[in-house]
Amino acid sequence: MVELLMALALTTFLLAALSFGMHASFKTYDKNGESAEVTHTARVVITRMISEIRTADSITVNPDGTHLTIVPPVPIVVSTSTVTKIEYEFVTATTGNTLFYKQTLGDGTVTSNVLMGPTDNVAIDRFTVTTDLLTKLDSGGNIVNVQDSLGNNIVRNATVSLLIGCGGEVQPHRVSVAPRRVQIF
């Protein structure tokens, strides 16, 4: 009878250890899935943004870096209209932060889509864009910004920073891109 109780106690102990190990393994698997989802979302958003910045005719950023405006070099045709302006706008709210993607068409119609919002599995905590402007020396020896034909400062380099997370884990993502039109070969 004592042997049976010892075997039962040993089996219970082994099953408890196995259960604890399996639980830890499942939690790690879930965390890795969340981390992969955050990385994938950041990659998709940043890849699109890089492509649009790289080929842009004009780039402007508001003073706090939360609103990026891109003018495509050749209007992009969507259905029967053309895209004349692309915007990324980060809006903070008590209900959650949202990153919007907006397109302005040639007829003035504005379409707005949520890239990341408070109801998504992946949440955005911060979005900022900083720019390095192209400069030159004027005739008086002063450093001045170079402007395009529309009077916009020419951006030599743009850095996009995203802080996004999922399930309590937050990951920073940062990328720098140079518009091709300012590159000299």
C-alpha atoms as a PDB file:
ATOM      1  CA  MET A   1       0.000   0.000   0.000  1.00  0.00           C
ATOM      2  CA  VAL A   2       2.879   2.362   0.794  1.00  0.00           C
ATOM      3  CA  GLU A   3       4.415   1.584  -2.582  1.00  0.00           C
ATOM      4  CA  LEU A   4       1.168   2.522  -4.318  1.00  0.00           C
ATOM      5  CA  LEU A   5       0.988   5.855  -2.471  1.00  0.00           C
ATOM      6  CA  MET A   6       4.639   6.576  -3.328  1.00  0.00           C
ATOM      7  CA  ALA A   7       4.019   5.772  -7.005  1.00  0.00           C
ATOM      8  CA  LEU A   8       0.898   7.975  -7.009  1.00  0.00           C
ATOM      9  CA  ALA A   9       2.783  10.860  -5.367  1.00  0.00           C
ATOM     10  CA  LEU A  10       5.679  10.513  -7.815  1.00  0.00           C
ATOM     11  CA  THR A  11       3.300  10.391 -10.813  1.00  0.00           C
ATOM     12  CA  THR A  12       1.447  13.466  -9.524  1.00  0.00           C
ATOM     13  CA  PHE A  13       4.729  15.313  -9.120  1.00  0.00           C
ATOM     14  CA  LEU A  14       5.867  14.392 -12.650  1.00  0.00           C
ATOM     15  CA  LEU A  15       2.518  15.406 -14.181  1.00  0.00           C
ATOM     16  CA  ALA A  16       2.621  18.740 -12.336  1.00  0.00           C
ATOM     17  CA  ALA A  17       6.151  19.431 -13.626  1.00  0.00           C
ATOM     18  CA  LEU A  18       5.122  18.446 -17.156  1.00  0.00           C
ATOM     19  CA  SER A  19       2.046  20.673 -16.955  1.00  0.00           C
ATOM     20  CA  PHE A  20       4.109  23.619 -15.745  1.00  0.00           C
ATOM     21  CA  GLY A  21       6.583  23.128 -18.597  1.00  0.00           C
ATOM     22  CA  MET A  22       3.811  22.903 -21.198  1.00  0.00           C
ATOM     23  CA  HIS A  23       2.135  26.060 -19.836  1.00  0.00           C
ATOM     24  CA  ALA A  24       5.400  28.008 -20.065  1.00  0.00           C
ATOM     25  CA  SER A  25       5.924  26.702 -23.607  1.00  0.00           C
ATOM     26  CA  PHE A  26       2.444  27.823 -24.704  1.00  0.00           C
ATOM     27  CA  LYS A  27       2.952  31.283 -23.187  1.00  0.00           C
ATOM     28  CA  THR A  28       6.266  31.642 -25.031  1.00  0.00           C
ATOM     29  CA  TYR A  29       4.618  30.542 -28.268  1.00  0.00           C
ATOM     30  CA  ASP A  30       1.887  33.195 -27.856  1.00  0.00           C
ATOM     31  CA  LYS A  31       4.457  35.926 -27.088  1.00  0.00           C
ATOM     32  CA  ASN A  32       6.498  34.978 -30.157  1.00  0.00           C
ATOM     33  CA  GLY A  33       3.341  35.166 -32.284  1.00  0.00           C
ATOM     34  CA  GLU A  34       2.565  38.648 -30.946  1.00  0.00           C
ATOM     35  CA  SER A  35       6.138  39.776 -31.577  1.00  0.00           C
ATOM     36  CA  ALA A  36       6.005  38.459 -35.136  1.00  0.00           C
ATOM     37  CA  GLU A  37       2.697  40.263 -35.737  1.00  0.00           C
ATOM     38  CA  VAL A  38       4.161  43.566 -34.508  1.00  0.00           C
ATOM     39  CA  THR A  39       7.247  43.136 -36.704  1.00  0.00           C
ATOM     40  CA  HIS A  40       5.152  42.222 -39.747  1.00  0.00           C
ATOM     41  CA  THR A  41       2.802  45.208 -39.284  1.00  0.00           C
ATOM     42  CA  ALA A  42       5.733  47.595 -38.894  1.00  0.00           C
ATOM     43  CA  ARG A  43       7.412  46.153 -41.984  1.00  0.00           C
ATOM     44  CA  VAL A  44       4.278  46.586 -44.118  1.00  0.00           C
ATOM     45  CA  VAL A  45       3.651  50.189 -43.006  1.00  0.00           C
ATOM     46  CA  ILE A  46       7.306  51.223 -43.271  1.00  0.00           C
ATOM     47  CA  THR A  47       7.809  49.568 -46.666  1.00  0.00           C
ATOM     48  CA  ARG A  48       4.863  51.457 -48.133  1.00  0.00           C
ATOM     49  CA  MET A  49       5.999  54.721 -46.574  1.00  0.00           C
ATOM     50  CA  ILE A  50       9.588  54.280 -47.795  1.00  0.00           C
ATOM     51  CA  SER A  51       8.415  53.630 -51.342  1.00  0.00           C
ATOM     52  CA  GLU A  52       6.229  56.743 -51.361  1.00  0.00           C
ATOM     53  CA  ILE A  53       8.921  58.954 -49.795  1.00  0.00           C
ATOM     54  CA  ARG A  54      11.645  57.651 -52.102  1.00  0.00           C
ATOM     55  CA  THR A  55       9.660  58.488 -55.231  1.00  0.00           C
ATOM     56  CA  ALA A  56       8.038  61.688 -53.911  1.00  0.00           C
ATOM     57  CA  ASP A  57       8.135  64.974 -55.743  1.00  0.00           C
ATOM     58  CA  SER A  58       7.672  66.889 -52.503  1.00  0.00           C
ATOM     59  CA  ILE A  59       7.681  65.982 -48.794  1.00  0.00           C
ATOM     60  CA  THR A  60       6.511  68.175 -45.916  1.00  0.00           C
ATOM     61  CA  VAL A  61       6.253  67.395 -42.212  1.00  0.00           C
ATOM     62  CA  ASN A  62       4.408  69.408 -39.561  1.00  0.00           C
ATOM     63  CA  PRO A  63       6.520  70.868 -36.696  1.00  0.00           C
ATOM     64  CA  ASP A  64       5.829  68.033 -34.222  1.00  0.00           C
ATOM     65  CA  GLY A  65       6.490  65.346 -36.862  1.00  0.00           C
ATOM     66  CA  THR A  66       3.106  63.620 -36.627  1.00  0.00           C
ATOM     67  CA  HIS A  67       1.759  64.577 -40.061  1.00  0.00           C
ATOM     68  CA  LEU A  68       3.653  63.610 -43.215  1.00  0.00           C
ATOM     69  CA  THR A  69       2.493  64.952 -46.591  1.00  0.00           C
ATOM     70  CA  ILE A  70       3.810  63.426 -49.807  1.00  0.00           C
ATOM     71  CA  VAL A  71       3.220  64.720 -53.328  1.00  0.00           C
ATOM     72  CA  PRO A  72       3.750  61.922 -55.855  1.00  0.00           C
ATOM     73  CA  PRO A  73       5.963  62.847 -58.841  1.00  0.00           C
ATOM     74  CA  VAL A  74       3.474  61.624 -61.393  1.00  0.00           C
ATOM     75  CA  PRO A  75      -0.129  61.469 -60.279  1.00  0.00           C
ATOM     76  CA  ILE A  76      -1.146  57.895 -59.440  1.00  0.00           C
ATOM     77  CA  VAL A  77      -4.286  56.793 -61.282  1.00  0.00           C
ATOM     78  CA  VAL A  78      -6.990  55.338 -59.026  1.00  0.00           C
ATOM     79  CA  SER A  79     -10.127  54.293 -60.941  1.00  0.00           C
ATOM     80  CA  THR A  80     -10.806  57.351 -63.112  1.00  0.00           C
ATOM     81  CA  SER A  81      -9.082  59.950 -60.922  1.00  0.00           C
ATOM     82  CA  THR A  82      -5.479  60.643 -59.943  1.00  0.00           C
ATOM     83  CA  VAL A  83      -3.861  60.801 -56.507  1.00  0.00           C
ATOM     84  CA  THR A  84      -2.346  64.257 -56.044  1.00  0.00           C
ATOM     85  CA  LYS A  85      -1.414  64.042 -52.350  1.00  0.00           C
ATOM     86  CA  ILE A  86      -0.705  61.276 -49.815  1.00  0.00           C
ATOM     87  CA  GLU A  87      -0.776  61.891 -46.067  1.00  0.00           C
ATOM     88  CA  TYR A  88       0.145  59.923 -42.956  1.00  0.00           C
ATOM     89  CA  GLU A  89      -1.357  61.435 -39.826  1.00  0.00           C
ATOM     90  CA  PHE A  90      -0.902  60.276 -36.226  1.00  0.00           C
ATOM     91  CA  VAL A  91      -3.755  61.236 -33.895  1.00  0.00           C
ATOM     92  CA  THR A  92      -3.635  60.674 -30.136  1.00  0.00           C
ATOM     93  CA  ALA A  93      -6.832  60.210 -28.156  1.00  0.00           C
ATOM     94  CA  THR A  94      -7.874  58.925 -24.756  1.00  0.00           C
ATOM     95  CA  THR A  95      -9.522  55.946 -26.460  1.00  0.00           C
ATOM     96  CA  GLY A  96      -6.282  55.027 -28.258  1.00  0.00           C
ATOM     97  CA  ASN A  97      -3.884  56.278 -30.895  1.00  0.00           C
ATOM     98  CA  THR A  98      -4.555  56.055 -34.624  1.00  0.00           C
ATOM     99  CA  LEU A  99      -2.343  56.253 -37.718  1.00  0.00           C
ATOM    100  CA  PHE A 100      -4.359  57.411 -40.744  1.00  0.00           C
ATOM    101  CA  TYR A 101      -3.474  57.048 -44.419  1.00  0.00           C
ATOM    102  CA  LYS A 102      -5.155  59.647 -46.622  1.00  0.00           C
ATOM    103  CA  GLN A 103      -5.215  60.139 -50.381  1.00  0.00           C
ATOM    104  CA  THR A 104      -6.398  63.316 -52.066  1.00  0.00           C
ATOM    105  CA  LEU A 105      -7.655  62.773 -55.585  1.00  0.00           C
ATOM    106  CA  GLY A 106      -7.477  65.242 -58.470  1.00  0.00           C
ATOM    107  CA  ASP A 107     -11.171  66.072 -58.082  1.00  0.00           C
ATOM    108  CA  GLY A 108     -10.634  67.051 -54.413  1.00  0.00           C
ATOM    109  CA  THR A 109     -12.063  63.848 -52.928  1.00  0.00           C
ATOM    110  CA  VAL A 110     -10.190  62.681 -49.830  1.00  0.00           C
ATOM    111  CA  THR A 111     -10.152  59.018 -48.849  1.00  0.00           C
ATOM    112  CA  SER A 112      -9.024  58.147 -45.348  1.00  0.00           C
ATOM    113  CA  ASN A 113      -8.072  54.714 -44.024  1.00  0.00           C
ATOM    114  CA  VAL A 114      -6.923  53.596 -40.591  1.00  0.00           C
ATOM    115  CA  LEU A 115      -3.543  51.847 -40.825  1.00  0.00           C
ATOM    116  CA  MET A 116      -3.351  51.151 -37.095  1.00  0.00           C
ATOM    117  CA  GLY A 117      -6.033  52.045 -34.582  1.00  0.00           C
ATOM    118  CA  PRO A 118      -7.199  51.355 -31.040  1.00  0.00           C
ATOM    119  CA  THR A 119      -9.366  48.404 -32.088  1.00  0.00           C
ATOM    120  CA  ASP A 120      -6.538  46.608 -33.924  1.00  0.00           C
ATOM    121  CA  ASN A 121      -4.554  43.785 -32.364  1.00  0.00           C
ATOM    122  CA  VAL A 122      -1.359  45.774 -32.996  1.00  0.00           C
ATOM    123  CA  ALA A 123      -1.493  49.242 -31.429  1.00  0.00           C
ATOM    124  CA  ILE A 124       0.584  52.288 -32.298  1.00  0.00           C
ATOM    125  CA  ASP A 125       2.053  54.233 -29.402  1.00  0.00           C
ATOM    126  CA  ARG A 126       4.067  56.863 -31.267  1.00  0.00           C
ATOM    127  CA  PHE A 127       4.744  58.000 -34.857  1.00  0.00           C
ATOM    128  CA  THR A 128       7.208  60.727 -35.757  1.00  0.00           C
ATOM    129  CA  VAL A 129       8.946  61.864 -38.918  1.00  0.00           C
ATOM    130  CA  THR A 130      12.046  64.028 -38.909  1.00  0.00           C
ATOM    131  CA  THR A 131      13.702  65.488 -41.970  1.00  0.00           C
ATOM    132  CA  ASP A 132      17.133  66.694 -42.957  1.00  0.00           C
ATOM    133  CA  LEU A 133      16.772  69.559 -45.423  1.00  0.00           C
ATOM    134  CA  LEU A 134      19.000  70.232 -48.408  1.00  0.00           C
ATOM    135  CA  THR A 135      21.007  73.420 -47.843  1.00  0.00           C
ATOM    136  CA  LYS A 136      23.417  75.612 -49.805  1.00  0.00           C
ATOM    137  CA  LEU A 137      25.439  78.778 -49.352  1.00  0.00           C
ATOM    138  CA  ASP A 138      23.839  81.913 -50.776  1.00  0.00           C
ATOM    139  CA  SER A 139      25.805  84.746 -52.370  1.00  0.00           C
ATOM    140  CA  GLY A 140      26.383  86.300 -48.929  1.00  0.00           C
ATOM    141  CA  GLY A 141      27.892  83.088 -47.515  1.00  0.00           C
ATOM    142  CA  ASN A 142      24.818  82.240 -45.426  1.00  0.00           C
ATOM    143  CA  ILE A 143      23.399  78.707 -45.218  1.00  0.00           C
ATOM    144  CA  VAL A 144      19.894  78.620 -46.688  1.00  0.00           C
ATOM    145  CA  ASN A 145      17.407  75.844 -47.437  1.00  0.00           C
ATOM    146  CA  VAL A 146      17.063  74.800 -51.066  1.00  0.00           C
ATOM    147  CA  GLN A 147      13.459  75.028 -52.277  1.00  0.00           C
ATOM    148  CA  ASP A 148      11.631  73.425 -55.157  1.00  0.00           C
ATOM    149  CA  SER A 149       9.590  75.298 -57.757  1.00  0.00           C
ATOM    150  CA  LEU A 150       6.565  75.319 -55.399  1.00  0.00           C
ATOM    151  CA  GLY A 151       8.524  76.952 -52.568  1.00  0.00           C
ATOM    152  CA  ASN A 152       8.763  73.787 -50.447  1.00  0.00           C
ATOM    153  CA  ASN A 153      12.043  72.982 -48.730  1.00  0.00           C
ATOM    154  CA  ILE A 154      13.756  70.037 -50.420  1.00  0.00           C
ATOM    155  CA  VAL A 155      14.138  67.075 -48.065  1.00  0.00           C
ATOM    156  CA  ARG A 156      17.501  65.339 -48.306  1.00  0.00           C
ATOM    157  CA  ASN A 157      16.651  62.575 -45.840  1.00  0.00           C
ATOM    158  CA  ALA A 158      13.570  61.537 -43.854  1.00  0.00           C
ATOM    159  CA  THR A 159      13.583  59.368 -40.726  1.00  0.00           C
ATOM    160  CA  VAL A 160      10.376  57.577 -39.736  1.00  0.00           C
ATOM    161  CA  SER A 161      10.015  56.287 -36.172  1.00  0.00           C
ATOM    162  CA  LEU A 162       7.229  53.970 -35.045  1.00  0.00           C
ATOM    163  CA  LEU A 163       6.632  52.638 -31.549  1.00  0.00           C
ATOM    164  CA  ILE A 164       4.089  49.840 -31.806  1.00  0.00           C
ATOM    165  CA  GLY A 165       3.064  46.985 -29.592  1.00  0.00           C
ATOM    166  CA  CYS A 166       0.872  44.005 -28.977  1.00  0.00           C
ATOM    167  CA  GLY A 167      -0.035  42.249 -25.743  1.00  0.00           C
ATOM    168  CA  GLY A 168       1.969  44.581 -23.528  1.00  0.00           C
ATOM    169  CA  GLU A 169       5.164  44.310 -25.608  1.00  0.00           C
ATOM    170  CA  VAL A 170       6.254  47.500 -27.368  1.00  0.00           C
ATOM    171  CA  GLN A 171       8.840  47.545 -30.162  1.00  0.00           C
ATOM    172  CA  PRO A 172      10.607  50.588 -31.636  1.00  0.00           C
ATOM    173  CA  HIS A 173      11.072  50.695 -35.419  1.00  0.00           C
ATOM    174  CA  ARG A 174      13.089  53.356 -37.238  1.00  0.00           C
ATOM    175  CA  VAL A 175      14.088  53.775 -40.855  1.00  0.00           C
ATOM    176  CA  SER A 176      15.770  56.531 -42.862  1.00  0.00           C
ATOM    177  CA  VAL A 177      15.133  57.126 -46.544  1.00  0.00           C
ATOM    178  CA  ALA A 178      16.409  59.594 -49.127  1.00  0.00           C
ATOM    179  CA  PRO A 179      14.102  60.767 -51.887  1.00  0.00           C
ATOM    180  CA  ARG A 180      15.631  59.779 -55.228  1.00  0.00           C
ATOM    181  CA  ARG A 181      15.094  63.173 -56.811  1.00  0.00           C
ATOM    182  CA  VAL A 182      17.716  64.766 -54.543  1.00  0.00           C
ATOM    183  CA  GLN A 183      20.367  62.148 -55.158  1.00  0.00           C
ATOM    184  CA  ILE A 184      23.255  63.179 -57.361  1.00  0.00           C
ATOM    185  CA  PHE A 185      24.934  60.538 -59.508  1.00  0.00           C
END
